[in-house]
N, C-alpha and C. Protein backbone atom coordinates (compact mmCIF):
# COMPACT_ATOMS: atom_id res chain seq x y z
N MET A 1 -92.94 13.17 30.35
CA MET A 1 -91.71 13.16 29.56
C MET A 1 -91.42 14.56 29.06
N THR A 2 -90.18 14.95 29.10
CA THR A 2 -89.77 16.24 28.57
C THR A 2 -88.71 16.02 27.51
N LEU A 3 -88.54 17.05 26.66
CA LEU A 3 -87.56 16.96 25.58
C LEU A 3 -86.45 17.96 25.82
N SER A 4 -85.23 17.53 25.67
CA SER A 4 -84.10 18.44 25.79
C SER A 4 -83.10 18.13 24.69
N ARG A 5 -82.15 19.02 24.52
CA ARG A 5 -81.09 18.81 23.53
C ARG A 5 -79.77 18.77 24.29
N GLU A 6 -79.34 17.58 24.66
CA GLU A 6 -78.06 17.41 25.34
C GLU A 6 -77.02 16.97 24.33
N ALA A 7 -75.97 17.76 24.21
CA ALA A 7 -74.90 17.46 23.26
C ALA A 7 -75.45 17.24 21.86
N LYS A 8 -76.49 18.02 21.50
CA LYS A 8 -77.09 18.02 20.17
C LYS A 8 -77.75 16.68 19.81
N SER A 9 -78.14 15.89 20.80
CA SER A 9 -78.85 14.64 20.55
C SER A 9 -80.22 14.71 21.19
N TRP A 10 -81.18 13.97 20.61
CA TRP A 10 -82.50 13.93 21.23
C TRP A 10 -82.44 13.10 22.50
N VAL A 11 -82.97 13.66 23.58
CA VAL A 11 -83.07 12.96 24.84
C VAL A 11 -84.50 13.11 25.33
N LEU A 12 -85.13 12.00 25.68
CA LEU A 12 -86.51 12.00 26.12
C LEU A 12 -86.62 11.38 27.51
N TRP A 13 -87.30 12.11 28.40
CA TRP A 13 -87.52 11.59 29.75
C TRP A 13 -88.97 11.18 29.86
N ALA A 14 -89.25 9.88 30.03
CA ALA A 14 -90.60 9.35 30.13
C ALA A 14 -90.82 8.78 31.52
N ASP A 15 -92.01 8.19 31.72
CA ASP A 15 -92.34 7.63 33.03
C ASP A 15 -91.29 6.60 33.46
N ALA A 16 -90.83 5.79 32.53
CA ALA A 16 -89.92 4.70 32.87
C ALA A 16 -88.48 5.16 33.01
N GLY A 17 -88.18 6.37 32.53
CA GLY A 17 -86.80 6.84 32.64
C GLY A 17 -86.39 7.61 31.40
N ARG A 18 -85.15 7.41 31.01
CA ARG A 18 -84.55 8.21 29.96
C ARG A 18 -84.45 7.40 28.66
N TYR A 19 -84.88 8.03 27.55
CA TYR A 19 -84.77 7.39 26.23
C TYR A 19 -83.77 8.16 25.37
N GLU A 20 -83.03 7.43 24.57
CA GLU A 20 -82.15 8.04 23.57
C GLU A 20 -82.24 7.20 22.29
N ILE A 21 -81.80 7.77 21.19
CA ILE A 21 -81.79 7.05 19.92
C ILE A 21 -80.52 6.22 19.82
N THR A 22 -80.67 4.95 19.48
CA THR A 22 -79.52 4.07 19.33
C THR A 22 -78.99 4.15 17.91
N PRO A 23 -77.76 3.64 17.64
CA PRO A 23 -77.23 3.63 16.27
C PRO A 23 -78.08 2.83 15.29
N GLN A 24 -78.98 1.99 15.80
CA GLN A 24 -79.88 1.23 14.92
C GLN A 24 -81.13 2.02 14.57
N GLY A 25 -81.22 3.25 15.04
CA GLY A 25 -82.36 4.11 14.71
C GLY A 25 -83.58 3.87 15.56
N LYS A 26 -83.40 3.28 16.76
CA LYS A 26 -84.53 3.03 17.64
C LYS A 26 -84.33 3.77 18.96
N TRP A 27 -85.45 4.05 19.63
CA TRP A 27 -85.36 4.65 20.96
C TRP A 27 -85.05 3.56 21.98
N MET A 28 -84.14 3.85 22.88
CA MET A 28 -83.72 2.87 23.87
C MET A 28 -83.82 3.49 25.26
N LEU A 29 -84.37 2.75 26.20
CA LEU A 29 -84.41 3.19 27.58
C LEU A 29 -83.05 2.95 28.22
N VAL A 30 -82.46 3.99 28.77
CA VAL A 30 -81.15 3.85 29.41
C VAL A 30 -81.28 4.24 30.88
N GLU A 31 -80.65 3.48 31.73
CA GLU A 31 -80.73 3.73 33.17
C GLU A 31 -79.75 4.81 33.61
N LYS A 32 -78.57 4.80 32.99
CA LYS A 32 -77.57 5.77 33.33
C LYS A 32 -77.14 6.52 32.06
N LYS A 33 -76.68 7.70 32.24
CA LYS A 33 -76.29 8.52 31.10
C LYS A 33 -75.07 7.92 30.40
N PRO A 34 -75.24 7.50 29.12
CA PRO A 34 -74.09 6.94 28.39
C PRO A 34 -73.25 8.04 27.76
N GLU A 35 -72.14 7.64 27.20
CA GLU A 35 -71.34 8.60 26.45
C GLU A 35 -72.10 9.02 25.21
N VAL A 36 -72.13 10.29 24.93
CA VAL A 36 -72.87 10.80 23.78
C VAL A 36 -72.07 10.54 22.51
N THR A 37 -72.68 9.95 21.52
CA THR A 37 -71.98 9.61 20.27
C THR A 37 -72.17 10.65 19.19
N HIS A 38 -73.14 11.55 19.37
CA HIS A 38 -73.44 12.59 18.37
C HIS A 38 -73.97 12.02 17.06
N TRP A 39 -74.28 10.72 17.03
CA TRP A 39 -74.67 10.13 15.74
C TRP A 39 -76.01 10.67 15.25
N ASP A 40 -76.90 11.04 16.16
CA ASP A 40 -78.24 11.47 15.76
C ASP A 40 -78.51 12.86 16.34
N LYS A 41 -78.57 13.86 15.49
CA LYS A 41 -78.64 15.24 15.94
C LYS A 41 -80.06 15.78 15.81
N ALA A 42 -80.44 16.58 16.78
CA ALA A 42 -81.76 17.19 16.76
C ALA A 42 -81.90 18.17 15.61
N GLN A 43 -83.07 18.15 14.96
CA GLN A 43 -83.31 19.09 13.89
C GLN A 43 -84.55 19.94 14.13
N GLN A 44 -85.69 19.29 14.35
CA GLN A 44 -86.92 20.06 14.45
C GLN A 44 -87.98 19.29 15.24
N ARG A 45 -88.83 20.06 15.94
CA ARG A 45 -89.96 19.49 16.65
C ARG A 45 -91.20 20.28 16.29
N VAL A 46 -92.28 19.58 15.93
CA VAL A 46 -93.55 20.23 15.59
C VAL A 46 -94.62 19.73 16.55
N SER A 47 -95.39 20.63 17.11
CA SER A 47 -96.50 20.27 17.98
C SER A 47 -97.80 20.28 17.20
N TYR A 48 -98.56 19.21 17.28
CA TYR A 48 -99.85 19.10 16.59
C TYR A 48 -100.63 17.96 17.22
N ASP A 49 -101.85 17.70 16.75
CA ASP A 49 -102.66 16.61 17.30
C ASP A 49 -102.67 15.47 16.29
N ASP A 50 -101.81 14.47 16.50
CA ASP A 50 -101.66 13.38 15.54
C ASP A 50 -102.84 12.43 15.53
N ASN A 51 -103.45 12.19 16.69
CA ASN A 51 -104.49 11.15 16.77
C ASN A 51 -105.87 11.69 17.13
N GLY A 52 -106.07 12.99 17.04
CA GLY A 52 -107.39 13.58 17.19
C GLY A 52 -108.00 13.46 18.57
N ASP A 53 -107.17 13.34 19.62
CA ASP A 53 -107.73 13.22 20.97
C ASP A 53 -107.74 14.54 21.71
N GLY A 54 -107.38 15.63 21.02
CA GLY A 54 -107.38 16.95 21.63
C GLY A 54 -106.14 17.27 22.45
N ARG A 55 -105.18 16.35 22.49
CA ARG A 55 -103.94 16.58 23.22
C ARG A 55 -102.81 16.89 22.25
N VAL A 56 -101.84 17.65 22.73
CA VAL A 56 -100.70 18.01 21.90
C VAL A 56 -99.76 16.82 21.75
N ASP A 57 -99.42 16.46 20.50
CA ASP A 57 -98.45 15.43 20.20
C ASP A 57 -97.21 16.09 19.60
N TRP A 58 -96.13 15.30 19.47
CA TRP A 58 -94.90 15.80 18.88
C TRP A 58 -94.54 15.03 17.63
N PHE A 59 -94.11 15.76 16.61
CA PHE A 59 -93.50 15.20 15.40
C PHE A 59 -92.05 15.64 15.43
N LEU A 60 -91.13 14.66 15.55
CA LEU A 60 -89.72 14.95 15.72
C LEU A 60 -88.92 14.57 14.48
N LEU A 61 -88.05 15.46 14.03
CA LEU A 61 -87.12 15.16 12.94
C LEU A 61 -85.71 15.06 13.50
N THR A 62 -85.03 13.95 13.18
CA THR A 62 -83.65 13.77 13.59
C THR A 62 -82.82 13.35 12.39
N SER A 63 -81.53 13.57 12.47
CA SER A 63 -80.64 13.21 11.37
C SER A 63 -79.35 12.64 11.93
N GLY A 64 -78.86 11.57 11.30
CA GLY A 64 -77.63 10.96 11.78
C GLY A 64 -77.02 10.04 10.76
N GLU A 65 -76.24 9.08 11.24
CA GLU A 65 -75.51 8.18 10.36
C GLU A 65 -76.44 7.35 9.48
N LYS A 66 -77.64 7.06 9.96
CA LYS A 66 -78.60 6.25 9.22
C LYS A 66 -79.50 7.10 8.33
N GLY A 67 -79.24 8.41 8.27
CA GLY A 67 -80.10 9.30 7.50
C GLY A 67 -81.15 9.93 8.39
N GLN A 68 -82.07 10.64 7.77
CA GLN A 68 -83.08 11.35 8.54
C GLN A 68 -84.25 10.43 8.87
N ARG A 69 -84.80 10.61 10.06
CA ARG A 69 -85.97 9.86 10.51
C ARG A 69 -86.98 10.84 11.10
N ALA A 70 -88.24 10.41 11.14
CA ALA A 70 -89.29 11.17 11.81
C ALA A 70 -89.91 10.28 12.88
N TRP A 71 -90.26 10.90 14.00
CA TRP A 71 -90.80 10.17 15.15
C TRP A 71 -92.05 10.88 15.65
N ILE A 72 -92.95 10.11 16.26
CA ILE A 72 -94.17 10.67 16.85
C ILE A 72 -94.22 10.30 18.33
N CYS A 73 -94.55 11.28 19.15
CA CYS A 73 -94.79 11.05 20.58
C CYS A 73 -96.20 11.53 20.89
N HIS A 74 -97.07 10.66 21.33
CA HIS A 74 -98.44 11.03 21.66
C HIS A 74 -98.51 11.64 23.06
N GLY A 75 -99.23 12.76 23.14
CA GLY A 75 -99.38 13.44 24.42
C GLY A 75 -100.34 12.70 25.33
N ARG A 76 -100.03 12.74 26.61
CA ARG A 76 -100.88 12.12 27.63
C ARG A 76 -101.54 13.15 28.54
N GLY A 77 -101.32 14.43 28.23
CA GLY A 77 -101.86 15.49 29.05
C GLY A 77 -100.90 15.89 30.16
N GLU A 78 -101.09 17.11 30.67
CA GLU A 78 -100.28 17.63 31.77
C GLU A 78 -98.80 17.60 31.45
N GLY A 79 -98.46 17.84 30.18
CA GLY A 79 -97.06 17.92 29.78
C GLY A 79 -96.34 16.60 29.68
N ARG A 80 -97.07 15.47 29.66
CA ARG A 80 -96.45 14.16 29.57
C ARG A 80 -96.71 13.55 28.20
N PHE A 81 -95.77 12.71 27.75
CA PHE A 81 -95.84 12.11 26.43
C PHE A 81 -95.49 10.62 26.50
N GLY A 82 -96.04 9.85 25.54
CA GLY A 82 -95.76 8.43 25.47
C GLY A 82 -94.44 8.14 24.79
N GLU A 83 -94.11 6.87 24.70
CA GLU A 83 -92.86 6.45 24.07
C GLU A 83 -92.87 6.80 22.59
N PRO A 84 -91.80 7.33 22.05
CA PRO A 84 -91.74 7.69 20.62
C PRO A 84 -91.76 6.47 19.72
N PHE A 85 -92.41 6.63 18.56
CA PHE A 85 -92.42 5.55 17.57
C PHE A 85 -92.21 6.15 16.19
N PRO A 86 -91.66 5.39 15.23
CA PRO A 86 -91.31 5.94 13.92
C PRO A 86 -92.55 6.27 13.09
N TRP A 87 -92.49 7.38 12.39
CA TRP A 87 -93.55 7.81 11.48
C TRP A 87 -93.50 6.95 10.22
N GLN A 88 -94.68 6.55 9.73
CA GLN A 88 -94.75 5.69 8.55
C GLN A 88 -95.46 6.38 7.39
N VAL A 89 -94.99 6.08 6.19
CA VAL A 89 -95.62 6.54 4.94
C VAL A 89 -95.80 5.33 4.05
N ALA A 90 -97.02 5.15 3.55
CA ALA A 90 -97.35 4.00 2.69
C ALA A 90 -96.99 2.68 3.36
N GLY A 91 -97.19 2.61 4.68
CA GLY A 91 -96.98 1.37 5.41
C GLY A 91 -95.54 1.06 5.76
N GLU A 92 -94.61 1.96 5.42
CA GLU A 92 -93.19 1.72 5.70
C GLU A 92 -92.64 2.85 6.57
N VAL A 93 -91.65 2.50 7.39
CA VAL A 93 -90.98 3.52 8.20
C VAL A 93 -90.32 4.52 7.27
N TRP A 94 -90.62 5.80 7.48
CA TRP A 94 -90.11 6.83 6.56
C TRP A 94 -88.64 7.12 6.84
N GLU A 95 -87.86 7.23 5.74
CA GLU A 95 -86.49 7.68 5.78
C GLU A 95 -86.27 8.57 4.57
N GLY A 96 -85.53 9.63 4.73
CA GLY A 96 -85.30 10.52 3.60
C GLY A 96 -84.70 11.83 4.04
N ALA A 97 -85.18 12.91 3.42
CA ALA A 97 -84.71 14.26 3.75
C ALA A 97 -85.91 15.18 3.79
N MET A 98 -86.17 15.79 4.94
CA MET A 98 -87.34 16.63 5.12
C MET A 98 -86.99 17.86 5.95
N SER A 99 -87.69 18.96 5.68
CA SER A 99 -87.60 20.15 6.52
C SER A 99 -88.93 20.89 6.44
N SER A 100 -89.14 21.81 7.34
CA SER A 100 -90.33 22.67 7.38
C SER A 100 -91.65 21.89 7.33
N PRO A 101 -91.85 20.87 8.19
CA PRO A 101 -93.13 20.15 8.17
C PRO A 101 -94.26 21.01 8.73
N HIS A 102 -95.40 21.01 8.03
CA HIS A 102 -96.58 21.75 8.46
C HIS A 102 -97.80 20.86 8.31
N PHE A 103 -98.43 20.52 9.43
CA PHE A 103 -99.65 19.73 9.40
C PHE A 103 -100.85 20.67 9.41
N ALA A 104 -101.80 20.46 8.47
CA ALA A 104 -102.99 21.30 8.39
C ALA A 104 -104.05 20.56 7.57
N TRP A 105 -105.22 21.18 7.39
CA TRP A 105 -106.30 20.59 6.60
C TRP A 105 -106.11 20.99 5.14
N TRP A 106 -105.08 20.45 4.53
CA TRP A 106 -104.71 20.86 3.18
C TRP A 106 -105.71 20.41 2.13
N ASP A 107 -106.40 19.30 2.35
CA ASP A 107 -107.39 18.86 1.36
C ASP A 107 -108.81 19.15 1.81
N GLU A 108 -108.94 19.99 2.84
CA GLU A 108 -110.23 20.53 3.29
C GLU A 108 -111.19 19.44 3.78
N ASP A 109 -110.65 18.29 4.22
CA ASP A 109 -111.50 17.32 4.91
C ASP A 109 -111.25 17.48 6.40
N ASP A 110 -111.62 16.48 7.20
CA ASP A 110 -111.52 16.64 8.64
C ASP A 110 -110.28 16.00 9.24
N ASP A 111 -109.27 15.68 8.42
CA ASP A 111 -108.04 15.12 8.97
C ASP A 111 -106.84 15.96 8.54
N LEU A 112 -105.77 15.85 9.31
CA LEU A 112 -104.57 16.64 9.05
C LEU A 112 -103.68 15.95 8.02
N ASP A 113 -103.23 16.74 7.04
CA ASP A 113 -102.25 16.27 6.05
C ASP A 113 -100.96 17.06 6.26
N LEU A 114 -99.92 16.70 5.52
CA LEU A 114 -98.61 17.31 5.72
C LEU A 114 -98.12 17.97 4.45
N LEU A 115 -97.61 19.19 4.57
CA LEU A 115 -96.81 19.84 3.54
C LEU A 115 -95.41 20.01 4.11
N CYS A 116 -94.39 19.70 3.30
CA CYS A 116 -93.02 19.80 3.78
C CYS A 116 -92.09 19.97 2.59
N LEU A 117 -90.85 20.27 2.90
CA LEU A 117 -89.81 20.33 1.87
C LEU A 117 -89.03 19.03 1.87
N MET A 118 -88.86 18.47 0.67
CA MET A 118 -88.01 17.29 0.48
C MET A 118 -87.07 17.57 -0.67
N ASN A 119 -85.79 17.67 -0.36
CA ASN A 119 -84.77 17.93 -1.39
C ASN A 119 -85.08 19.19 -2.19
N GLY A 120 -85.52 20.24 -1.50
CA GLY A 120 -85.76 21.52 -2.15
C GLY A 120 -87.07 21.61 -2.90
N ARG A 121 -87.91 20.59 -2.80
CA ARG A 121 -89.21 20.60 -3.49
C ARG A 121 -90.32 20.50 -2.46
N LEU A 122 -91.40 21.19 -2.74
CA LEU A 122 -92.54 21.20 -1.83
C LEU A 122 -93.39 19.96 -2.09
N ARG A 123 -93.61 19.16 -1.03
CA ARG A 123 -94.31 17.89 -1.17
C ARG A 123 -95.56 17.86 -0.29
N TYR A 124 -96.56 17.11 -0.76
CA TYR A 124 -97.83 16.93 -0.06
C TYR A 124 -97.96 15.46 0.33
N VAL A 125 -98.19 15.21 1.63
CA VAL A 125 -98.36 13.85 2.15
C VAL A 125 -99.78 13.76 2.72
N GLU A 126 -100.64 13.02 2.04
CA GLU A 126 -102.05 12.97 2.43
C GLU A 126 -102.32 11.91 3.49
N ASN A 127 -103.12 12.29 4.48
CA ASN A 127 -103.66 11.32 5.42
C ASN A 127 -104.92 10.73 4.78
N THR A 128 -104.86 9.48 4.39
CA THR A 128 -105.96 8.85 3.66
C THR A 128 -106.98 8.18 4.58
N ASN A 129 -106.75 8.28 5.89
CA ASN A 129 -107.67 7.66 6.82
C ASN A 129 -108.34 8.72 7.70
N THR A 130 -108.28 8.60 8.98
CA THR A 130 -108.95 9.52 9.89
C THR A 130 -107.94 10.19 10.80
N ASN A 131 -108.41 11.21 11.55
CA ASN A 131 -107.54 11.86 12.52
C ASN A 131 -107.14 10.92 13.64
N SER A 132 -108.06 10.05 14.06
CA SER A 132 -107.76 9.17 15.19
C SER A 132 -106.80 8.04 14.80
N GLU A 133 -106.82 7.63 13.52
CA GLU A 133 -105.93 6.58 13.04
C GLU A 133 -105.34 7.00 11.68
N PRO A 134 -104.43 7.95 11.68
CA PRO A 134 -103.88 8.46 10.41
C PRO A 134 -103.07 7.42 9.65
N ILE A 135 -103.26 7.39 8.34
CA ILE A 135 -102.45 6.57 7.43
C ILE A 135 -101.99 7.48 6.31
N TYR A 136 -100.68 7.60 6.12
CA TYR A 136 -100.14 8.56 5.16
C TYR A 136 -99.72 7.87 3.86
N ALA A 137 -100.09 8.49 2.75
CA ALA A 137 -99.77 7.97 1.43
C ALA A 137 -98.42 8.51 0.96
N GLU A 138 -97.94 7.98 -0.15
CA GLU A 138 -96.70 8.48 -0.75
C GLU A 138 -96.84 9.97 -1.06
N SER A 139 -95.75 10.70 -0.92
CA SER A 139 -95.79 12.14 -1.14
C SER A 139 -95.94 12.48 -2.63
N ARG A 140 -96.56 13.62 -2.88
CA ARG A 140 -96.72 14.14 -4.24
C ARG A 140 -96.22 15.58 -4.27
N GLU A 141 -95.69 15.99 -5.41
CA GLU A 141 -95.17 17.35 -5.50
C GLU A 141 -96.31 18.35 -5.62
N VAL A 142 -96.25 19.40 -4.82
CA VAL A 142 -97.25 20.46 -4.83
C VAL A 142 -97.13 21.26 -6.13
N ILE A 143 -98.27 21.61 -6.71
CA ILE A 143 -98.29 22.41 -7.95
C ILE A 143 -98.16 23.89 -7.60
N LEU A 144 -97.09 24.53 -8.08
CA LEU A 144 -96.84 25.95 -7.86
C LEU A 144 -96.83 26.65 -9.21
N GLU A 145 -97.97 27.17 -9.61
CA GLU A 145 -98.08 27.83 -10.91
C GLU A 145 -97.35 29.18 -10.88
N GLY A 146 -96.56 29.43 -11.93
CA GLY A 146 -95.83 30.68 -12.01
C GLY A 146 -94.62 30.76 -11.10
N ARG A 147 -94.15 29.62 -10.63
CA ARG A 147 -93.01 29.60 -9.72
C ARG A 147 -91.75 30.08 -10.42
N PRO A 148 -90.99 30.98 -9.78
CA PRO A 148 -89.71 31.39 -10.37
C PRO A 148 -88.70 30.26 -10.28
N PRO A 149 -87.69 30.25 -11.14
CA PRO A 149 -86.70 29.17 -11.10
C PRO A 149 -85.87 29.23 -9.82
N GLY A 150 -85.36 28.08 -9.43
CA GLY A 150 -84.50 28.02 -8.25
C GLY A 150 -85.04 27.08 -7.20
N ARG A 151 -84.21 26.85 -6.21
CA ARG A 151 -84.53 25.93 -5.12
C ARG A 151 -85.32 26.63 -4.03
N ILE A 152 -86.27 25.93 -3.44
CA ILE A 152 -87.03 26.47 -2.32
C ILE A 152 -86.25 26.23 -1.03
N GLU A 153 -86.05 27.28 -0.27
CA GLU A 153 -85.31 27.17 0.99
C GLU A 153 -86.24 26.93 2.18
N ALA A 154 -87.39 27.60 2.18
CA ALA A 154 -88.33 27.47 3.29
C ALA A 154 -89.69 27.99 2.84
N PHE A 155 -90.72 27.66 3.63
CA PHE A 155 -92.05 28.19 3.34
C PHE A 155 -92.85 28.29 4.63
N SER A 156 -93.90 29.10 4.57
CA SER A 156 -94.77 29.27 5.73
C SER A 156 -96.21 29.39 5.25
N PRO A 157 -97.15 28.60 5.82
CA PRO A 157 -98.57 28.74 5.47
C PRO A 157 -99.15 30.02 6.08
N TRP A 158 -100.02 30.68 5.31
CA TRP A 158 -100.62 31.92 5.80
C TRP A 158 -101.87 32.20 4.98
N ASP A 159 -102.97 32.50 5.62
CA ASP A 159 -104.20 32.84 4.90
C ASP A 159 -104.18 34.32 4.56
N LEU A 160 -103.42 34.65 3.52
CA LEU A 160 -103.23 36.06 3.16
C LEU A 160 -104.49 36.69 2.58
N HIS A 161 -105.33 35.89 1.91
CA HIS A 161 -106.56 36.42 1.33
C HIS A 161 -107.73 36.38 2.30
N ARG A 162 -107.53 35.76 3.43
CA ARG A 162 -108.57 35.62 4.46
C ARG A 162 -109.84 34.99 3.89
N ASP A 163 -109.64 33.96 3.07
CA ASP A 163 -110.77 33.25 2.50
C ASP A 163 -110.97 31.88 3.13
N GLY A 164 -110.25 31.62 4.24
CA GLY A 164 -110.37 30.35 4.93
C GLY A 164 -109.46 29.26 4.39
N ARG A 165 -108.67 29.56 3.37
CA ARG A 165 -107.73 28.58 2.80
C ARG A 165 -106.32 29.09 2.95
N LEU A 166 -105.41 28.19 3.32
CA LEU A 166 -104.03 28.59 3.56
C LEU A 166 -103.29 28.85 2.26
N ASP A 167 -102.66 30.02 2.16
CA ASP A 167 -101.75 30.34 1.07
C ASP A 167 -100.33 30.01 1.54
N LEU A 168 -99.35 30.30 0.69
CA LEU A 168 -97.96 30.00 1.03
C LEU A 168 -97.08 31.22 0.81
N LEU A 169 -96.20 31.48 1.75
CA LEU A 169 -95.08 32.40 1.56
C LEU A 169 -93.84 31.54 1.41
N VAL A 170 -93.20 31.63 0.25
CA VAL A 170 -92.09 30.73 -0.08
C VAL A 170 -90.80 31.54 -0.22
N GLN A 171 -89.76 31.10 0.47
CA GLN A 171 -88.44 31.72 0.38
C GLN A 171 -87.60 30.93 -0.61
N MET A 172 -87.17 31.59 -1.71
CA MET A 172 -86.35 30.95 -2.71
C MET A 172 -84.86 31.10 -2.36
N ALA A 173 -84.05 30.19 -2.88
CA ALA A 173 -82.61 30.26 -2.65
C ALA A 173 -82.00 31.51 -3.26
N THR A 174 -82.67 32.10 -4.25
CA THR A 174 -82.20 33.33 -4.89
C THR A 174 -82.44 34.57 -4.03
N GLY A 175 -83.15 34.40 -2.89
CA GLY A 175 -83.46 35.53 -2.03
C GLY A 175 -84.86 36.08 -2.23
N GLU A 176 -85.56 35.60 -3.25
CA GLU A 176 -86.91 36.08 -3.51
C GLU A 176 -87.91 35.48 -2.52
N LEU A 177 -88.89 36.28 -2.14
CA LEU A 177 -90.00 35.82 -1.32
C LEU A 177 -91.24 35.82 -2.21
N VAL A 178 -91.90 34.65 -2.33
CA VAL A 178 -93.01 34.50 -3.27
C VAL A 178 -94.29 34.19 -2.53
N TRP A 179 -95.34 34.90 -2.89
CA TRP A 179 -96.66 34.65 -2.32
C TRP A 179 -97.45 33.81 -3.32
N PHE A 180 -97.84 32.62 -2.88
CA PHE A 180 -98.66 31.72 -3.69
C PHE A 180 -100.06 31.63 -3.09
N LYS A 181 -101.08 31.88 -3.91
CA LYS A 181 -102.46 31.78 -3.46
C LYS A 181 -103.02 30.39 -3.74
N ARG A 182 -103.71 29.83 -2.76
CA ARG A 182 -104.32 28.52 -2.90
C ARG A 182 -105.44 28.56 -3.93
N GLN A 183 -105.46 27.57 -4.82
CA GLN A 183 -106.48 27.45 -5.85
C GLN A 183 -107.45 26.33 -5.49
N SER A 184 -108.61 26.33 -6.10
CA SER A 184 -109.60 25.29 -5.85
C SER A 184 -109.16 23.97 -6.49
N GLY A 185 -109.52 22.88 -5.85
CA GLY A 185 -109.27 21.56 -6.42
C GLY A 185 -107.84 21.09 -6.29
N PHE A 186 -107.61 19.90 -6.86
CA PHE A 186 -106.31 19.25 -6.84
C PHE A 186 -105.90 18.91 -8.27
N ARG A 187 -104.61 18.71 -8.47
CA ARG A 187 -104.10 18.26 -9.76
C ARG A 187 -103.08 17.16 -9.52
N GLY A 188 -103.33 16.00 -10.09
CA GLY A 188 -102.42 14.88 -9.86
C GLY A 188 -102.36 14.46 -8.41
N GLY A 189 -103.46 14.68 -7.69
CA GLY A 189 -103.50 14.30 -6.29
C GLY A 189 -102.81 15.25 -5.35
N ALA A 190 -102.44 16.46 -5.83
CA ALA A 190 -101.73 17.43 -4.99
C ALA A 190 -102.42 18.79 -5.05
N PRO A 191 -102.34 19.59 -3.98
CA PRO A 191 -102.94 20.92 -4.00
C PRO A 191 -102.24 21.84 -4.98
N VAL A 192 -102.98 22.85 -5.45
CA VAL A 192 -102.49 23.78 -6.46
C VAL A 192 -102.43 25.19 -5.87
N PHE A 193 -101.32 25.87 -6.11
CA PHE A 193 -101.14 27.25 -5.69
C PHE A 193 -100.68 28.07 -6.90
N ARG A 194 -101.08 29.34 -6.94
CA ARG A 194 -100.71 30.22 -8.05
C ARG A 194 -99.93 31.42 -7.52
N CYS A 195 -98.86 31.76 -8.23
CA CYS A 195 -98.03 32.89 -7.83
C CYS A 195 -98.83 34.19 -7.93
N GLU A 196 -98.91 34.91 -6.82
CA GLU A 196 -99.60 36.20 -6.79
C GLU A 196 -98.64 37.37 -6.83
N LYS A 197 -97.50 37.23 -6.15
CA LYS A 197 -96.55 38.35 -6.11
C LYS A 197 -95.18 37.84 -5.74
N ILE A 198 -94.15 38.46 -6.32
CA ILE A 198 -92.76 38.13 -5.99
C ILE A 198 -92.11 39.36 -5.38
N TYR A 199 -91.57 39.18 -4.20
CA TYR A 199 -90.88 40.26 -3.51
C TYR A 199 -89.38 40.05 -3.67
N ARG A 200 -88.70 41.03 -4.22
CA ARG A 200 -87.27 40.94 -4.47
C ARG A 200 -86.54 41.95 -3.61
N GLN A 201 -85.38 41.54 -3.10
CA GLN A 201 -84.57 42.41 -2.27
C GLN A 201 -83.81 43.42 -3.11
């Protein structure tokens, strides 16, 4: 299966044929190319290992009339992927607003957790199970000590101190770039970062 962006909609080619997202928010196998409705537009694709089998999987973000959805496609090797299925949080199909998803070992165990932006706030989504069978809990707001006021536009993980723990470079809506250093431990079930430096234009 390959991924393309035809008319700004997600299109997936799998073993059985062509999949597209229906207005009901589900992937549908179509035999012939239908008229494009533009209802569900491509936003972002992240490559990572969702089920711990050593193969590349896809985390897909789409947005349309039903709101934003996230989808997972498990890799089968040799550039092929399985049928997409909806990402779940706390046992429910996730719907909301997300950008900049980053999967990493945020709680320093052996499974991948998620840091992402939701409505301008940095959120932590913990995998409470294993890499092979991930189960994600409700998101918690990341603690950013010394954060300047304003909305967060984007962020990028980076081990700036080279201590084996990921720090954050955060882009504020005001134009400031903020370096947050990862701190030990958690607070309220979320990782803690401390402002180290603010870069102003």
